[in-house]
Amino acid sequence: MKAKIFEFLRDAADEITYGIRCLCGKPSPMKRFIMVLIAGSAMGFASVFILVSSIYNLGHSNGQNAIIPEINLMRQLNLKNDSINQLKQKLYEYEQQPAGKRE
């Protein structure tokens, strides 16, 4: 299965290369350099545009609601029967007893 996928991708790359060569002819090294420079510049510009747009939308009121969901405040858990509260209750009861009746 992997071999078939690899073969398909290799053939697709060959077809794309062949199509570019048919459109441009065999490019000279200078033409090839210019094509790579233009493609790299376009991808770099698109990358910077997406980054700046995302940062702007994070700070913008509409973008903030769309990207970051509203965070609800955490409610305090009601822990009446936990071990710390039981110890506190026993200590309180012990302190409330008169000094002569303490165990």
PDB file of N, CA and C in Angstrom:
ATOM      1  N   MET A   1       0.822  -1.195   0.000  1.00  0.00           N
ATOM      2  CA  MET A   1       0.000   0.000   0.000  1.00  0.00           C
ATOM      3  C   MET A   1       0.871   1.267   0.000  1.00  0.00           C
ATOM      4  N   LYS A   2       1.934   1.245   0.858  1.00  0.00           N
ATOM      5  CA  LYS A   2       2.823   2.406   0.900  1.00  0.00           C
ATOM      6  C   LYS A   2       3.522   2.599  -0.438  1.00  0.00           C
ATOM      7  N   ALA A   3       3.874   1.499  -1.068  1.00  0.00           N
ATOM      8  CA  ALA A   3       4.573   1.589  -2.356  1.00  0.00           C
ATOM      9  C   ALA A   3       3.680   2.225  -3.418  1.00  0.00           C
ATOM     10  N   LYS A   4       2.386   1.877  -3.402  1.00  0.00           N
ATOM     11  CA  LYS A   4       1.460   2.464  -4.378  1.00  0.00           C
ATOM     12  C   LYS A   4       1.299   3.959  -4.148  1.00  0.00           C
ATOM     13  N   ILE A   5       1.194   4.373  -2.876  1.00  0.00           N
ATOM     14  CA  ILE A   5       1.050   5.803  -2.565  1.00  0.00           C
ATOM     15  C   ILE A   5       2.314   6.548  -2.978  1.00  0.00           C
ATOM     16  N   PHE A   6       3.485   5.972  -2.656  1.00  0.00           N
ATOM     17  CA  PHE A   6       4.752   6.605  -3.024  1.00  0.00           C
ATOM     18  C   PHE A   6       4.875   6.729  -4.536  1.00  0.00           C
ATOM     19  N   GLU A   7       4.491   5.695  -5.243  1.00  0.00           N
ATOM     20  CA  GLU A   7       4.557   5.710  -6.707  1.00  0.00           C
ATOM     21  C   GLU A   7       3.612   6.769  -7.285  1.00  0.00           C
ATOM     22  N   PHE A   8       2.396   6.880  -6.706  1.00  0.00           N
ATOM     23  CA  PHE A   8       1.434   7.883  -7.166  1.00  0.00           C
ATOM     24  C   PHE A   8       1.983   9.291  -6.949  1.00  0.00           C
ATOM     25  N   LEU A   9       2.566   9.549  -5.776  1.00  0.00           N
ATOM     26  CA  LEU A   9       3.105  10.880  -5.493  1.00  0.00           C
ATOM     27  C   LEU A   9       4.289  11.203  -6.400  1.00  0.00           C
ATOM     28  N   ARG A  10       5.138  10.204  -6.662  1.00  0.00           N
ATOM     29  CA  ARG A  10       6.277  10.418  -7.552  1.00  0.00           C
ATOM     30  C   ARG A  10       5.794  10.729  -8.964  1.00  0.00           C
ATOM     31  N   ASP A  11       4.794   9.986  -9.435  1.00  0.00           N
ATOM     32  CA  ASP A  11       4.250  10.239 -10.770  1.00  0.00           C
ATOM     33  C   ASP A  11       3.583  11.609 -10.851  1.00  0.00           C
ATOM     34  N   ALA A  12       2.886  12.016  -9.775  1.00  0.00           N
ATOM     35  CA  ALA A  12       2.242  13.324  -9.758  1.00  0.00           C
ATOM     36  C   ALA A  12       3.293  14.431  -9.820  1.00  0.00           C
ATOM     37  N   ALA A  13       4.390  14.267  -9.091  1.00  0.00           N
ATOM     38  CA  ALA A  13       5.461  15.264  -9.132  1.00  0.00           C
ATOM     39  C   ALA A  13       6.085  15.334 -10.519  1.00  0.00           C
ATOM     40  N   ASP A  14       6.257  14.183 -11.138  1.00  0.00           N
ATOM     41  CA  ASP A  14       6.809  14.175 -12.500  1.00  0.00           C
ATOM     42  C   ASP A  14       5.878  14.876 -13.484  1.00  0.00           C
ATOM     43  N   GLU A  15       4.577  14.658 -13.350  1.00  0.00           N
ATOM     44  CA  GLU A  15       3.608  15.314 -14.231  1.00  0.00           C
ATOM     45  C   GLU A  15       3.618  16.826 -14.034  1.00  0.00           C
ATOM     46  N   ILE A  16       3.710  17.269 -12.790  1.00  0.00           N
ATOM     47  CA  ILE A  16       3.751  18.709 -12.518  1.00  0.00           C
ATOM     48  C   ILE A  16       5.020  19.311 -13.107  1.00  0.00           C
ATOM     49  N   THR A  17       6.143  18.638 -12.921  1.00  0.00           N
ATOM     50  CA  THR A  17       7.407  19.125 -13.485  1.00  0.00           C
ATOM     51  C   THR A  17       7.334  19.186 -15.005  1.00  0.00           C
ATOM     52  N   TYR A  18       6.770  18.148 -15.603  1.00  0.00           N
ATOM     53  CA  TYR A  18       6.636  18.113 -17.059  1.00  0.00           C
ATOM     54  C   TYR A  18       5.740  19.259 -17.541  1.00  0.00           C
ATOM     55  N   GLY A  19       4.638  19.517 -16.824  1.00  0.00           N
ATOM     56  CA  GLY A  19       3.740  20.605 -17.204  1.00  0.00           C
ATOM     57  C   GLY A  19       4.420  21.957 -17.140  1.00  0.00           C
ATOM     58  N   ILE A  20       5.212  22.172 -16.101  1.00  0.00           N
ATOM     59  CA  ILE A  20       5.936  23.447 -15.984  1.00  0.00           C
ATOM     60  C   ILE A  20       6.951  23.589 -17.108  1.00  0.00           C
ATOM     61  N   ARG A  21       7.634  22.506 -17.436  1.00  0.00           N
ATOM     62  CA  ARG A  21       8.628  22.574 -18.512  1.00  0.00           C
ATOM     63  C   ARG A  21       7.961  22.820 -19.861  1.00  0.00           C
ATOM     64  N   CYS A  22       6.756  22.280 -20.064  1.00  0.00           N
ATOM     65  CA  CYS A  22       6.044  22.538 -21.319  1.00  0.00           C
ATOM     66  C   CYS A  22       5.631  24.000 -21.416  1.00  0.00           C
ATOM     67  N   LEU A  23       5.225  24.589 -20.295  1.00  0.00           N
ATOM     68  CA  LEU A  23       4.811  25.997 -20.303  1.00  0.00           C
ATOM     69  C   LEU A  23       5.991  26.932 -20.511  1.00  0.00           C
ATOM     70  N   CYS A  24       7.065  26.662 -19.844  1.00  0.00           N
ATOM     71  CA  CYS A  24       8.191  27.596 -19.854  1.00  0.00           C
ATOM     72  C   CYS A  24       9.319  27.192 -20.777  1.00  0.00           C
ATOM     73  N   GLY A  25       9.281  26.003 -21.287  1.00  0.00           N
ATOM     74  CA  GLY A  25      10.454  25.500 -21.988  1.00  0.00           C
ATOM     75  C   GLY A  25      11.468  25.094 -20.924  1.00  0.00           C
ATOM     76  N   LYS A  26      12.659  24.761 -21.337  1.00  0.00           N
ATOM     77  CA  LYS A  26      13.670  24.461 -20.331  1.00  0.00           C
ATOM     78  C   LYS A  26      14.226  25.794 -19.852  1.00  0.00           C
ATOM     79  N   PRO A  27      13.922  26.150 -18.588  1.00  0.00           N
ATOM     80  CA  PRO A  27      14.354  27.485 -18.140  1.00  0.00           C
ATOM     81  C   PRO A  27      15.859  27.546 -17.921  1.00  0.00           C
ATOM     82  N   SER A  28      16.376  28.704 -18.220  1.00  0.00           N
ATOM     83  CA  SER A  28      17.794  28.930 -17.964  1.00  0.00           C
ATOM     84  C   SER A  28      17.989  29.064 -16.452  1.00  0.00           C
ATOM     85  N   PRO A  29      19.207  28.982 -15.984  1.00  0.00           N
ATOM     86  CA  PRO A  29      19.423  29.130 -14.538  1.00  0.00           C
ATOM     87  C   PRO A  29      18.904  30.459 -13.992  1.00  0.00           C
ATOM     88  N   MET A  30      18.974  31.520 -14.775  1.00  0.00           N
ATOM     89  CA  MET A  30      18.470  32.815 -14.311  1.00  0.00           C
ATOM     90  C   MET A  30      16.949  32.798 -14.206  1.00  0.00           C
ATOM     91  N   LYS A  31      16.255  32.207 -15.208  1.00  0.00           N
ATOM     92  CA  LYS A  31      14.794  32.111 -15.151  1.00  0.00           C
ATOM     93  C   LYS A  31      14.363  31.260 -13.960  1.00  0.00           C
ATOM     94  N   ARG A  32      15.084  30.162 -13.744  1.00  0.00           N
ATOM     95  CA  ARG A  32      14.761  29.276 -12.622  1.00  0.00           C
ATOM     96  C   ARG A  32      14.930  30.021 -11.296  1.00  0.00           C
ATOM     97  N   PHE A  33      16.020  30.804 -11.193  1.00  0.00           N
ATOM     98  CA  PHE A  33      16.251  31.581  -9.977  1.00  0.00           C
ATOM     99  C   PHE A  33      15.135  32.591  -9.749  1.00  0.00           C
ATOM    100  N   ILE A  34      14.720  33.281 -10.819  1.00  0.00           N
ATOM    101  CA  ILE A  34      13.651  34.269 -10.705  1.00  0.00           C
ATOM    102  C   ILE A  34      12.335  33.601 -10.305  1.00  0.00           C
ATOM    103  N   MET A  35      12.037  32.433 -10.879  1.00  0.00           N
ATOM    104  CA  MET A  35      10.799  31.718 -10.517  1.00  0.00           C
ATOM    105  C   MET A  35      10.809  31.308  -9.048  1.00  0.00           C
ATOM    106  N   VAL A  36      11.945  30.808  -8.578  1.00  0.00           N
ATOM    107  CA  VAL A  36      12.054  30.411  -7.172  1.00  0.00           C
ATOM    108  C   VAL A  36      11.943  31.627  -6.273  1.00  0.00           C
ATOM    109  N   LEU A  37      12.561  32.725  -6.660  1.00  0.00           N
ATOM    110  CA  LEU A  37      12.493  33.959  -5.881  1.00  0.00           C
ATOM    111  C   LEU A  37      11.061  34.486  -5.798  1.00  0.00           C
ATOM    112  N   ILE A  38      10.330  34.472  -6.909  1.00  0.00           N
ATOM    113  CA  ILE A  38       8.937  34.928  -6.914  1.00  0.00           C
ATOM    114  C   ILE A  38       8.061  34.015  -6.066  1.00  0.00           C
ATOM    115  N   ALA A  39       8.228  32.692  -6.211  1.00  0.00           N
ATOM    116  CA  ALA A  39       7.416  31.747  -5.431  1.00  0.00           C
ATOM    117  C   ALA A  39       7.718  31.886  -3.941  1.00  0.00           C
ATOM    118  N   GLY A  40       8.999  32.013  -3.591  1.00  0.00           N
ATOM    119  CA  GLY A  40       9.365  32.174  -2.175  1.00  0.00           C
ATOM    120  C   GLY A  40       8.835  33.470  -1.596  1.00  0.00           C
ATOM    121  N   SER A  41       8.908  34.548  -2.385  1.00  0.00           N
ATOM    122  CA  SER A  41       8.387  35.840  -1.913  1.00  0.00           C
ATOM    123  C   SER A  41       6.873  35.780  -1.705  1.00  0.00           C
ATOM    124  N   ALA A  42       6.162  35.136  -2.632  1.00  0.00           N
ATOM    125  CA  ALA A  42       4.709  35.026  -2.505  1.00  0.00           C
ATOM    126  C   ALA A  42       4.331  34.216  -1.263  1.00  0.00           C
ATOM    127  N   MET A  43       5.037  33.112  -1.033  1.00  0.00           N
ATOM    128  CA  MET A  43       4.738  32.299   0.154  1.00  0.00           C
ATOM    129  C   MET A  43       5.098  33.032   1.436  1.00  0.00           C
ATOM    130  N   GLY A  44       6.208  33.759   1.424  1.00  0.00           N
ATOM    131  CA  GLY A  44       6.593  34.546   2.598  1.00  0.00           C
ATOM    132  C   GLY A  44       5.582  35.634   2.904  1.00  0.00           C
ATOM    133  N   PHE A  45       5.127  36.327   1.854  1.00  0.00           N
ATOM    134  CA  PHE A  45       4.120  37.371   2.043  1.00  0.00           C
ATOM    135  C   PHE A  45       2.825  36.784   2.595  1.00  0.00           C
ATOM    136  N   ALA A  46       2.407  35.638   2.044  1.00  0.00           N
ATOM    137  CA  ALA A  46       1.179  35.001   2.533  1.00  0.00           C
ATOM    138  C   ALA A  46       1.330  34.587   3.993  1.00  0.00           C
ATOM    139  N   SER A  47       2.490  34.080   4.371  1.00  0.00           N
ATOM    140  CA  SER A  47       2.734  33.665   5.747  1.00  0.00           C
ATOM    141  C   SER A  47       2.665  34.859   6.704  1.00  0.00           C
ATOM    142  N   VAL A  48       3.321  35.948   6.349  1.00  0.00           N
ATOM    143  CA  VAL A  48       3.302  37.150   7.199  1.00  0.00           C
ATOM    144  C   VAL A  48       1.891  37.715   7.272  1.00  0.00           C
ATOM    145  N   PHE A  49       1.166  37.727   6.149  1.00  0.00           N
ATOM    146  CA  PHE A  49      -0.201  38.241   6.143  1.00  0.00           C
ATOM    147  C   PHE A  49      -1.093  37.433   7.076  1.00  0.00           C
ATOM    148  N   ILE A  50      -1.000  36.102   7.015  1.00  0.00           N
ATOM    149  CA  ILE A  50      -1.819  35.251   7.875  1.00  0.00           C
ATOM    150  C   ILE A  50      -1.460  35.472   9.341  1.00  0.00           C
ATOM    151  N   LEU A  51      -0.178  35.609   9.662  1.00  0.00           N
ATOM    152  CA  LEU A  51       0.259  35.838  11.034  1.00  0.00           C
ATOM    153  C   LEU A  51      -0.278  37.160  11.571  1.00  0.00           C
ATOM    154  N   VAL A  52      -0.107  38.224  10.811  1.00  0.00           N
ATOM    155  CA  VAL A  52      -0.572  39.546  11.256  1.00  0.00           C
ATOM    156  C   VAL A  52      -2.093  39.570  11.364  1.00  0.00           C
ATOM    157  N   SER A  53      -2.776  38.956  10.423  1.00  0.00           N
ATOM    158  CA  SER A  53      -4.230  38.908  10.462  1.00  0.00           C
ATOM    159  C   SER A  53      -4.728  38.156  11.698  1.00  0.00           C
ATOM    160  N   SER A  54      -4.068  37.062  12.027  1.00  0.00           N
ATOM    161  CA  SER A  54      -4.465  36.288  13.211  1.00  0.00           C
ATOM    162  C   SER A  54      -4.241  37.080  14.485  1.00  0.00           C
ATOM    163  N   ILE A  55      -3.099  37.754  14.595  1.00  0.00           N
ATOM    164  CA  ILE A  55      -2.822  38.556  15.791  1.00  0.00           C
ATOM    165  C   ILE A  55      -3.821  39.696  15.900  1.00  0.00           C
ATOM    166  N   TYR A  56      -4.148  40.334  14.795  1.00  0.00           N
ATOM    167  CA  TYR A  56      -5.123  41.422  14.820  1.00  0.00           C
ATOM    168  C   TYR A  56      -6.495  40.916  15.267  1.00  0.00           C
ATOM    169  N   ASN A  57      -6.910  39.759  14.746  1.00  0.00           N
ATOM    170  CA  ASN A  57      -8.220  39.220  15.109  1.00  0.00           C
ATOM    171  C   ASN A  57      -8.279  38.777  16.557  1.00  0.00           C
ATOM    172  N   LEU A  58      -7.162  38.386  17.147  1.00  0.00           N
ATOM    173  CA  LEU A  58      -7.157  38.026  18.567  1.00  0.00           C
ATOM    174  C   LEU A  58      -7.474  39.242  19.424  1.00  0.00           C
ATOM    175  N   GLY A  59      -6.930  40.394  19.068  1.00  0.00           N
ATOM    176  CA  GLY A  59      -7.163  41.597  19.850  1.00  0.00           C
ATOM    177  C   GLY A  59      -8.462  42.300  19.504  1.00  0.00           C
ATOM    178  N   HIS A  60      -9.000  42.004  18.373  1.00  0.00           N
ATOM    179  CA  HIS A  60     -10.237  42.650  17.917  1.00  0.00           C
ATOM    180  C   HIS A  60     -11.427  42.055  18.657  1.00  0.00           C
ATOM    181  N   SER A  61     -12.431  42.848  18.951  1.00  0.00           N
ATOM    182  CA  SER A  61     -13.556  42.355  19.766  1.00  0.00           C
ATOM    183  C   SER A  61     -14.324  41.232  19.079  1.00  0.00           C
ATOM    184  N   ASN A  62     -14.530  41.326  17.767  1.00  0.00           N
ATOM    185  CA  ASN A  62     -15.254  40.268  17.069  1.00  0.00           C
ATOM    186  C   ASN A  62     -14.421  38.998  16.964  1.00  0.00           C
ATOM    187  N   GLY A  63     -13.144  39.153  16.682  1.00  0.00           N
ATOM    188  CA  GLY A  63     -12.279  37.996  16.572  1.00  0.00           C
ATOM    189  C   GLY A  63     -12.068  37.300  17.903  1.00  0.00           C
ATOM    190  N   GLN A  64     -12.077  38.083  18.975  1.00  0.00           N
ATOM    191  CA  GLN A  64     -11.855  37.498  20.297  1.00  0.00           C
ATOM    192  C   GLN A  64     -12.985  36.539  20.650  1.00  0.00           C
ATOM    193  N   ASN A  65     -14.205  36.914  20.341  1.00  0.00           N
ATOM    194  CA  ASN A  65     -15.328  36.029  20.646  1.00  0.00           C
ATOM    195  C   ASN A  65     -15.334  34.805  19.748  1.00  0.00           C
ATOM    196  N   ALA A  66     -14.828  34.949  18.536  1.00  0.00           N
ATOM    197  CA  ALA A  66     -14.848  33.827  17.612  1.00  0.00           C
ATOM    198  C   ALA A  66     -13.747  32.817  17.926  1.00  0.00           C
ATOM    199  N   ILE A  67     -12.581  33.295  18.355  1.00  0.00           N
ATOM    200  CA  ILE A  67     -11.453  32.394  18.545  1.00  0.00           C
ATOM    201  C   ILE A  67     -11.366  31.891  19.979  1.00  0.00           C
ATOM    202  N   ILE A  68     -11.428  32.802  20.940  1.00  0.00           N
ATOM    203  CA  ILE A  68     -11.291  32.410  22.340  1.00  0.00           C
ATOM    204  C   ILE A  68     -12.684  32.368  22.962  1.00  0.00           C
ATOM    205  N   PRO A  69     -13.143  31.193  23.382  1.00  0.00           N
ATOM    206  CA  PRO A  69     -14.465  31.130  23.990  1.00  0.00           C
ATOM    207  C   PRO A  69     -14.483  31.858  25.331  1.00  0.00           C
ATOM    208  N   GLU A  70     -15.651  32.277  25.705  1.00  0.00           N
ATOM    209  CA  GLU A  70     -15.779  32.982  26.967  1.00  0.00           C
ATOM    210  C   GLU A  70     -15.436  32.036  28.108  1.00  0.00           C
ATOM    211  N   ILE A  71     -14.611  32.506  29.007  1.00  0.00           N
ATOM    212  CA  ILE A  71     -14.174  31.678  30.125  1.00  0.00           C
ATOM    213  C   ILE A  71     -15.068  31.982  31.320  1.00  0.00           C
ATOM    214  N   ASN A  72     -15.764  30.971  31.770  1.00  0.00           N
ATOM    215  CA  ASN A  72     -16.615  31.140  32.943  1.00  0.00           C
ATOM    216  C   ASN A  72     -15.767  31.056  34.194  1.00  0.00           C
ATOM    217  N   LEU A  73     -16.162  31.824  35.188  1.00  0.00           N
ATOM    218  CA  LEU A  73     -15.446  31.760  36.450  1.00  0.00           C
ATOM    219  C   LEU A  73     -15.670  30.401  37.086  1.00  0.00           C
ATOM    220  N   MET A  74     -14.637  29.904  37.705  1.00  0.00           N
ATOM    221  CA  MET A  74     -14.754  28.607  38.354  1.00  0.00           C
ATOM    222  C   MET A  74     -15.553  28.774  39.640  1.00  0.00           C
ATOM    223  N   ARG A  75     -16.502  27.914  39.831  1.00  0.00           N
ATOM    224  CA  ARG A  75     -17.268  27.982  41.072  1.00  0.00           C
ATOM    225  C   ARG A  75     -16.537  27.181  42.130  1.00  0.00           C
ATOM    226  N   GLN A  76     -16.681  27.616  43.364  1.00  0.00           N
ATOM    227  CA  GLN A  76     -15.983  26.946  44.449  1.00  0.00           C
ATOM    228  C   GLN A  76     -16.681  25.629  44.761  1.00  0.00           C
ATOM    229  N   LEU A  77     -15.891  24.598  44.940  1.00  0.00           N
ATOM    230  CA  LEU A  77     -16.450  23.296  45.260  1.00  0.00           C
ATOM    231  C   LEU A  77     -16.930  23.288  46.704  1.00  0.00           C
ATOM    232  N   ASN A  78     -18.040  22.629  46.921  1.00  0.00           N
ATOM    233  CA  ASN A  78     -18.594  22.530  48.255  1.00  0.00           C
ATOM    234  C   ASN A  78     -18.084  21.232  48.885  1.00  0.00           C
ATOM    235  N   LEU A  79     -17.067  21.348  49.719  1.00  0.00           N
ATOM    236  CA  LEU A  79     -16.444  20.182  50.322  1.00  0.00           C
ATOM    237  C   LEU A  79     -16.723  20.174  51.831  1.00  0.00           C
ATOM    238  N   LYS A  80     -17.916  19.789  52.201  1.00  0.00           N
ATOM    239  CA  LYS A  80     -18.275  19.795  53.618  1.00  0.00           C
ATOM    240  C   LYS A  80     -17.735  18.569  54.338  1.00  0.00           C
ATOM    241  N   ASN A  81     -17.610  17.452  53.660  1.00  0.00           N
ATOM    242  CA  ASN A  81     -17.237  16.215  54.329  1.00  0.00           C
ATOM    243  C   ASN A  81     -15.814  15.773  54.012  1.00  0.00           C
ATOM    244  N   ASP A  82     -14.952  16.691  53.648  1.00  0.00           N
ATOM    245  CA  ASP A  82     -13.580  16.277  53.383  1.00  0.00           C
ATOM    246  C   ASP A  82     -12.805  16.145  54.687  1.00  0.00           C
ATOM    247  N   SER A  83     -11.623  15.568  54.642  1.00  0.00           N
ATOM    248  CA  SER A  83     -10.868  15.241  55.847  1.00  0.00           C
ATOM    249  C   SER A  83     -10.396  16.492  56.587  1.00  0.00           C
ATOM    250  N   ILE A  84     -10.039  17.544  55.887  1.00  0.00           N
ATOM    251  CA  ILE A  84      -9.561  18.762  56.547  1.00  0.00           C
ATOM    252  C   ILE A  84     -10.686  19.401  57.351  1.00  0.00           C
ATOM    253  N   ASN A  85     -11.875  19.495  56.742  1.00  0.00           N
ATOM    254  CA  ASN A  85     -12.995  20.084  57.470  1.00  0.00           C
ATOM    255  C   ASN A  85     -13.395  19.226  58.669  1.00  0.00           C
ATOM    256  N   GLN A  86     -13.276  17.910  58.562  1.00  0.00           N
ATOM    257  CA  GLN A  86     -13.581  17.044  59.708  1.00  0.00           C
ATOM    258  C   GLN A  86     -12.585  17.294  60.838  1.00  0.00           C
ATOM    259  N   LEU A  87     -11.306  17.425  60.492  1.00  0.00           N
ATOM    260  CA  LEU A  87     -10.306  17.720  61.524  1.00  0.00           C
ATOM    261  C   LEU A  87     -10.535  19.083  62.157  1.00  0.00           C
ATOM    262  N   LYS A  88     -10.884  20.072  61.352  1.00  0.00           N
ATOM    263  CA  LYS A  88     -11.177  21.399  61.892  1.00  0.00           C
ATOM    264  C   LYS A  88     -12.376  21.353  62.831  1.00  0.00           C
ATOM    265  N   GLN A  89     -13.413  20.592  62.458  1.00  0.00           N
ATOM    266  CA  GLN A  89     -14.608  20.482  63.290  1.00  0.00           C
ATOM    267  C   GLN A  89     -14.261  19.824  64.628  1.00  0.00           C
ATOM    268  N   LYS A  90     -13.460  18.743  64.600  1.00  0.00           N
ATOM    269  CA  LYS A  90     -13.063  18.071  65.841  1.00  0.00           C
ATOM    270  C   LYS A  90     -12.221  18.988  66.710  1.00  0.00           C
ATOM    271  N   LEU A  91     -11.302  19.758  66.111  1.00  0.00           N
ATOM    272  CA  LEU A  91     -10.493  20.691  66.863  1.00  0.00           C
ATOM    273  C   LEU A  91     -11.352  21.778  67.479  1.00  0.00           C
ATOM    274  N   TYR A  92     -12.332  22.266  66.729  1.00  0.00           N
ATOM    275  CA  TYR A  92     -13.244  23.283  67.252  1.00  0.00           C
ATOM    276  C   TYR A  92     -14.043  22.739  68.433  1.00  0.00           C
ATOM    277  N   GLU A  93     -14.575  21.516  68.295  1.00  0.00           N
ATOM    278  CA  GLU A  93     -15.334  20.899  69.389  1.00  0.00           C
ATOM    279  C   GLU A  93     -14.450  20.685  70.612  1.00  0.00           C
ATOM    280  N   TYR A  94     -13.196  20.287  70.397  1.00  0.00           N
ATOM    281  CA  TYR A  94     -12.266  20.065  71.504  1.00  0.00           C
ATOM    282  C   TYR A  94     -11.978  21.370  72.234  1.00  0.00           C
ATOM    283  N   GLU A  95     -11.818  22.472  71.477  1.00  0.00           N
ATOM    284  CA  GLU A  95     -11.524  23.757  72.094  1.00  0.00           C
ATOM    285  C   GLU A  95     -12.732  24.313  72.832  1.00  0.00           C
ATOM    286  N   GLN A  96     -13.928  23.926  72.446  1.00  0.00           N
ATOM    287  CA  GLN A  96     -15.138  24.427  73.080  1.00  0.00           C
ATOM    288  C   GLN A  96     -15.410  23.728  74.421  1.00  0.00           C
ATOM    289  N   GLN A  97     -14.831  22.558  74.634  1.00  0.00           N
ATOM    290  CA  GLN A  97     -15.070  21.846  75.893  1.00  0.00           C
ATOM    291  C   GLN A  97     -14.312  22.568  77.015  1.00  0.00           C
ATOM    292  N   PRO A  98     -14.866  22.479  78.214  1.00  0.00           N
ATOM    293  CA  PRO A  98     -14.138  23.069  79.352  1.00  0.00           C
ATOM    294  C   PRO A  98     -12.808  22.327  79.562  1.00  0.00           C
ATOM    295  N   ALA A  99     -11.835  22.985  80.169  1.00  0.00           N
ATOM    296  CA  ALA A  99     -10.477  22.428  80.288  1.00  0.00           C
ATOM    297  C   ALA A  99     -10.477  21.149  81.109  1.00  0.00           C
ATOM    298  N   GLY A 100     -11.364  20.987  82.072  1.00  0.00           N
ATOM    299  CA  GLY A 100     -11.364  19.804  82.928  1.00  0.00           C
ATOM    300  C   GLY A 100     -11.960  18.581  82.230  1.00  0.00           C
ATOM    301  N   LYS A 101     -12.794  18.752  81.223  1.00  0.00           N
ATOM    302  CA  LYS A 101     -13.469  17.625  80.581  1.00  0.00           C
ATOM    303  C   LYS A 101     -12.750  17.183  79.296  1.00  0.00           C
ATOM    304  N   ARG A 102     -11.667  17.806  78.961  1.00  0.00           N
ATOM    305  CA  ARG A 102     -10.962  17.417  77.730  1.00  0.00           C
ATOM    306  C   ARG A 102     -10.290  16.073  77.915  1.00  0.00           C
ATOM    307  N   GLU A 103     -10.290  15.301  76.859  1.00  0.00           N
ATOM    308  CA  GLU A 103      -9.685  13.949  76.946  1.00  0.00           C
ATOM    309  C   GLU A 103      -8.222  13.950  76.652  1.00  0.00           C
TER     310      GLU A 103
END
